[in-house]
Amino acid sequence: MRIKEVAEQFGLLPTTLRFYEEKGLIPAVPRDENGVRDYGTFEINWIRFIRCMRSAGCSIAMLQEYSRLCRAGDGTIPERLELLKQQYAALEKRERELQESLKVLRGKIETYDQRLLNCEKELRETETP
């Protein structure tokens, strides 16, 4: 696949894909005889992973380190696992924070809903037939 097709598939700009490659987040993308990037399943899977991890809050630096470790081989599996566990713990913490925020917002919405119902009730009671 060409860069434009891949960018469209993931809702990214081609410059973002080039950035991922330049920063070592994804492996170097093979090029065809004209020097045009030719993304295959391997590169697509890396992009999918990077997108997932970015949406999970992973920093560019963490992903660079993870990618570097992957390229270094299976001897780095313990370090990769540790990076993933750290990110998982951070996401769990963020999830708890978001749940608390949702609870507060839900309470506020319920308060305003009740106030609106009370206002409507008062209006109906004060209306003259």
C-alpha atoms as a PDB file:
ATOM      1  CA  MET A   1       0.000   0.000   0.000  1.00  0.00           C
ATOM      2  CA  ARG A   2       1.088   3.542  -0.672  1.00  0.00           C
ATOM      3  CA  ILE A   3       1.451   6.133   2.072  1.00  0.00           C
ATOM      4  CA  LYS A   4      -1.745   7.953   1.073  1.00  0.00           C
ATOM      5  CA  GLU A   5      -3.796   4.752   1.332  1.00  0.00           C
ATOM      6  CA  VAL A   6      -2.315   3.868   4.708  1.00  0.00           C
ATOM      7  CA  ALA A   7      -2.845   7.392   5.992  1.00  0.00           C
ATOM      8  CA  GLU A   8      -6.499   7.265   4.949  1.00  0.00           C
ATOM      9  CA  GLN A   9      -6.953   3.823   6.506  1.00  0.00           C
ATOM     10  CA  PHE A  10      -5.793   5.114   9.891  1.00  0.00           C
ATOM     11  CA  GLY A  11      -7.150   8.646   9.659  1.00  0.00           C
ATOM     12  CA  LEU A  12      -3.644  10.077   9.703  1.00  0.00           C
ATOM     13  CA  LEU A  13      -1.685  12.475   7.574  1.00  0.00           C
ATOM     14  CA  PRO A  14       1.153  11.110   5.452  1.00  0.00           C
ATOM     15  CA  THR A  15       3.484  13.400   7.422  1.00  0.00           C
ATOM     16  CA  THR A  16       2.521  11.524  10.598  1.00  0.00           C
ATOM     17  CA  LEU A  17       3.506   8.222   9.019  1.00  0.00           C
ATOM     18  CA  ARG A  18       6.801   9.703   7.886  1.00  0.00           C
ATOM     19  CA  PHE A  19       7.330  11.026  11.424  1.00  0.00           C
ATOM     20  CA  TYR A  20       6.668   7.559  12.890  1.00  0.00           C
ATOM     21  CA  GLU A  21       9.284   6.117  10.568  1.00  0.00           C
ATOM     22  CA  GLU A  22      11.796   8.937  11.102  1.00  0.00           C
ATOM     23  CA  LYS A  23      11.546   8.614  14.896  1.00  0.00           C
ATOM     24  CA  GLY A  24      11.913   4.850  14.790  1.00  0.00           C
ATOM     25  CA  LEU A  25       8.400   4.097  16.025  1.00  0.00           C
ATOM     26  CA  ILE A  26       7.821   1.814  13.066  1.00  0.00           C
ATOM     27  CA  PRO A  27      10.405  -0.130  11.096  1.00  0.00           C
ATOM     28  CA  ALA A  28      11.810   1.416   7.942  1.00  0.00           C
ATOM     29  CA  VAL A  29       9.186   1.011   5.252  1.00  0.00           C
ATOM     30  CA  PRO A  30      10.388  -0.842   2.152  1.00  0.00           C
ATOM     31  CA  ARG A  31      10.422   1.162  -1.050  1.00  0.00           C
ATOM     32  CA  ASP A  32       9.610   0.137  -4.577  1.00  0.00           C
ATOM     33  CA  GLU A  33      11.943   0.567  -7.547  1.00  0.00           C
ATOM     34  CA  ASN A  34      10.946   4.250  -7.749  1.00  0.00           C
ATOM     35  CA  GLY A  35      11.745   4.910  -4.088  1.00  0.00           C
ATOM     36  CA  VAL A  36       8.068   5.114  -3.094  1.00  0.00           C
ATOM     37  CA  ARG A  37       7.128   3.668   0.300  1.00  0.00           C
ATOM     38  CA  ASP A  38       5.337   0.338  -0.043  1.00  0.00           C
ATOM     39  CA  TYR A  39       3.603  -0.616   3.213  1.00  0.00           C
ATOM     40  CA  GLY A  40       2.960  -4.292   3.837  1.00  0.00           C
ATOM     41  CA  THR A  41       1.166  -6.213   6.549  1.00  0.00           C
ATOM     42  CA  PHE A  42       4.166  -5.996   8.878  1.00  0.00           C
ATOM     43  CA  GLU A  43       4.315  -2.190   8.719  1.00  0.00           C
ATOM     44  CA  ILE A  44       0.516  -1.884   8.923  1.00  0.00           C
ATOM     45  CA  ASN A  45       0.501  -3.966  12.103  1.00  0.00           C
ATOM     46  CA  TRP A  46       3.184  -1.737  13.610  1.00  0.00           C
ATOM     47  CA  ILE A  47       1.175   1.377  12.755  1.00  0.00           C
ATOM     48  CA  ARG A  48      -1.920  -0.197  14.320  1.00  0.00           C
ATOM     49  CA  PHE A  49       0.076  -0.938  17.479  1.00  0.00           C
ATOM     50  CA  ILE A  50       1.590   2.557  17.641  1.00  0.00           C
ATOM     51  CA  ARG A  51      -1.833   4.175  17.177  1.00  0.00           C
ATOM     52  CA  CYS A  52      -3.249   2.031  19.964  1.00  0.00           C
ATOM     53  CA  MET A  53      -0.408   2.853  22.292  1.00  0.00           C
ATOM     54  CA  ARG A  54      -0.540   6.582  21.500  1.00  0.00           C
ATOM     55  CA  SER A  55      -4.266   6.630  22.258  1.00  0.00           C
ATOM     56  CA  ALA A  56      -3.397   4.845  25.517  1.00  0.00           C
ATOM     57  CA  GLY A  57      -1.155   7.770  26.421  1.00  0.00           C
ATOM     58  CA  CYS A  58       2.258   6.346  25.573  1.00  0.00           C
ATOM     59  CA  SER A  59       4.906   8.945  24.945  1.00  0.00           C
ATOM     60  CA  ILE A  60       6.965   9.067  21.785  1.00  0.00           C
ATOM     61  CA  ALA A  61      10.059   8.376  23.902  1.00  0.00           C
ATOM     62  CA  MET A  62       8.524   5.242  25.429  1.00  0.00           C
ATOM     63  CA  LEU A  63       7.491   3.964  22.009  1.00  0.00           C
ATOM     64  CA  GLN A  64      10.935   4.688  20.601  1.00  0.00           C
ATOM     65  CA  GLU A  65      12.457   2.645  23.409  1.00  0.00           C
ATOM     66  CA  TYR A  66       9.959  -0.170  22.908  1.00  0.00           C
ATOM     67  CA  SER A  67      10.607  -0.233  19.156  1.00  0.00           C
ATOM     68  CA  ARG A  68      14.357  -0.173  19.721  1.00  0.00           C
ATOM     69  CA  LEU A  69      14.049  -3.120  22.094  1.00  0.00           C
ATOM     70  CA  CYS A  70      11.961  -5.050  19.563  1.00  0.00           C
ATOM     71  CA  ARG A  71      14.613  -4.551  16.905  1.00  0.00           C
ATOM     72  CA  ALA A  72      17.248  -5.787  19.372  1.00  0.00           C
ATOM     73  CA  GLY A  73      15.627  -9.224  19.532  1.00  0.00           C
ATOM     74  CA  ASP A  74      14.060 -11.646  21.964  1.00  0.00           C
ATOM     75  CA  GLY A  75      16.668 -11.000  24.624  1.00  0.00           C
ATOM     76  CA  THR A  76      14.833  -7.743  25.368  1.00  0.00           C
ATOM     77  CA  ILE A  77      11.457  -9.341  26.064  1.00  0.00           C
ATOM     78  CA  PRO A  78      11.700  -8.719  29.843  1.00  0.00           C
ATOM     79  CA  GLU A  79      12.353  -5.006  29.276  1.00  0.00           C
ATOM     80  CA  ARG A  80       9.514  -4.758  26.756  1.00  0.00           C
ATOM     81  CA  LEU A  81       7.184  -6.521  29.150  1.00  0.00           C
ATOM     82  CA  GLU A  82       8.121  -4.063  31.897  1.00  0.00           C
ATOM     83  CA  LEU A  83       7.401  -1.085  29.643  1.00  0.00           C
ATOM     84  CA  LEU A  84       3.995  -2.526  28.782  1.00  0.00           C
ATOM     85  CA  LYS A  85       3.198  -3.260  32.422  1.00  0.00           C
ATOM     86  CA  GLN A  86       4.100   0.299  33.385  1.00  0.00           C
ATOM     87  CA  GLN A  87       1.804   1.662  30.692  1.00  0.00           C
ATOM     88  CA  TYR A  88      -0.969  -0.700  31.765  1.00  0.00           C
ATOM     89  CA  ALA A  89      -0.694   0.531  35.366  1.00  0.00           C
ATOM     90  CA  ALA A  90      -0.788   4.146  34.191  1.00  0.00           C
ATOM     91  CA  LEU A  91      -3.911   3.407  32.144  1.00  0.00           C
ATOM     92  CA  GLU A  92      -5.592   1.738  35.096  1.00  0.00           C
ATOM     93  CA  LYS A  93      -4.880   4.837  37.183  1.00  0.00           C
ATOM     94  CA  ARG A  94      -6.247   7.070  34.444  1.00  0.00           C
ATOM     95  CA  GLU A  95      -9.345   4.870  34.207  1.00  0.00           C
ATOM     96  CA  ARG A  96      -9.992   5.335  37.936  1.00  0.00           C
ATOM     97  CA  GLU A  97      -9.563   9.091  37.540  1.00  0.00           C
ATOM     98  CA  LEU A  98     -11.973   9.134  34.604  1.00  0.00           C
ATOM     99  CA  GLN A  99     -14.523   7.067  36.534  1.00  0.00           C
ATOM    100  CA  GLU A 100     -14.374   9.594  39.368  1.00  0.00           C
ATOM    101  CA  SER A 101     -14.825  12.457  36.903  1.00  0.00           C
ATOM    102  CA  LEU A 102     -17.809  10.689  35.341  1.00  0.00           C
ATOM    103  CA  LYS A 103     -19.345  10.212  38.766  1.00  0.00           C
ATOM    104  CA  VAL A 104     -19.014  13.926  39.574  1.00  0.00           C
ATOM    105  CA  LEU A 105     -20.403  14.953  36.186  1.00  0.00           C
ATOM    106  CA  ARG A 106     -23.288  12.499  36.492  1.00  0.00           C
ATOM    107  CA  GLY A 107     -24.164  14.018  39.866  1.00  0.00           C
ATOM    108  CA  LYS A 108     -24.077  17.547  38.471  1.00  0.00           C
ATOM    109  CA  ILE A 109     -26.264  16.584  35.521  1.00  0.00           C
ATOM    110  CA  GLU A 110     -28.773  14.902  37.831  1.00  0.00           C
ATOM    111  CA  THR A 111     -28.837  18.037  40.019  1.00  0.00           C
ATOM    112  CA  TYR A 112     -29.572  20.270  37.039  1.00  0.00           C
ATOM    113  CA  ASP A 113     -32.138  17.843  35.656  1.00  0.00           C
ATOM    114  CA  GLN A 114     -33.943  17.926  38.999  1.00  0.00           C
ATOM    115  CA  ARG A 115     -33.770  21.723  39.137  1.00  0.00           C
ATOM    116  CA  LEU A 116     -35.296  21.929  35.664  1.00  0.00           C
ATOM    117  CA  LEU A 117     -38.085  19.559  36.656  1.00  0.00           C
ATOM    118  CA  ASN A 118     -38.774  21.657  39.759  1.00  0.00           C
ATOM    119  CA  CYS A 119     -38.862  24.864  37.688  1.00  0.00           C
ATOM    120  CA  GLU A 120     -41.281  23.320  35.212  1.00  0.00           C
ATOM    121  CA  LYS A 121     -43.480  22.098  38.059  1.00  0.00           C
ATOM    122  CA  GLU A 122     -43.521  25.578  39.631  1.00  0.00           C
ATOM    123  CA  LEU A 123     -44.424  27.133  36.286  1.00  0.00           C
ATOM    124  CA  ARG A 124     -47.355  24.758  35.856  1.00  0.00           C
ATOM    125  CA  GLU A 125     -48.566  25.468  39.384  1.00  0.00           C
ATOM    126  CA  THR A 126     -48.464  29.237  38.875  1.00  0.00           C
ATOM    127  CA  GLU A 127     -50.230  29.202  35.531  1.00  0.00           C
ATOM    128  CA  THR A 128     -53.750  30.550  35.620  1.00  0.00           C
ATOM    129  CA  PRO A 129     -56.404  28.616  33.762  1.00  0.00           C
END
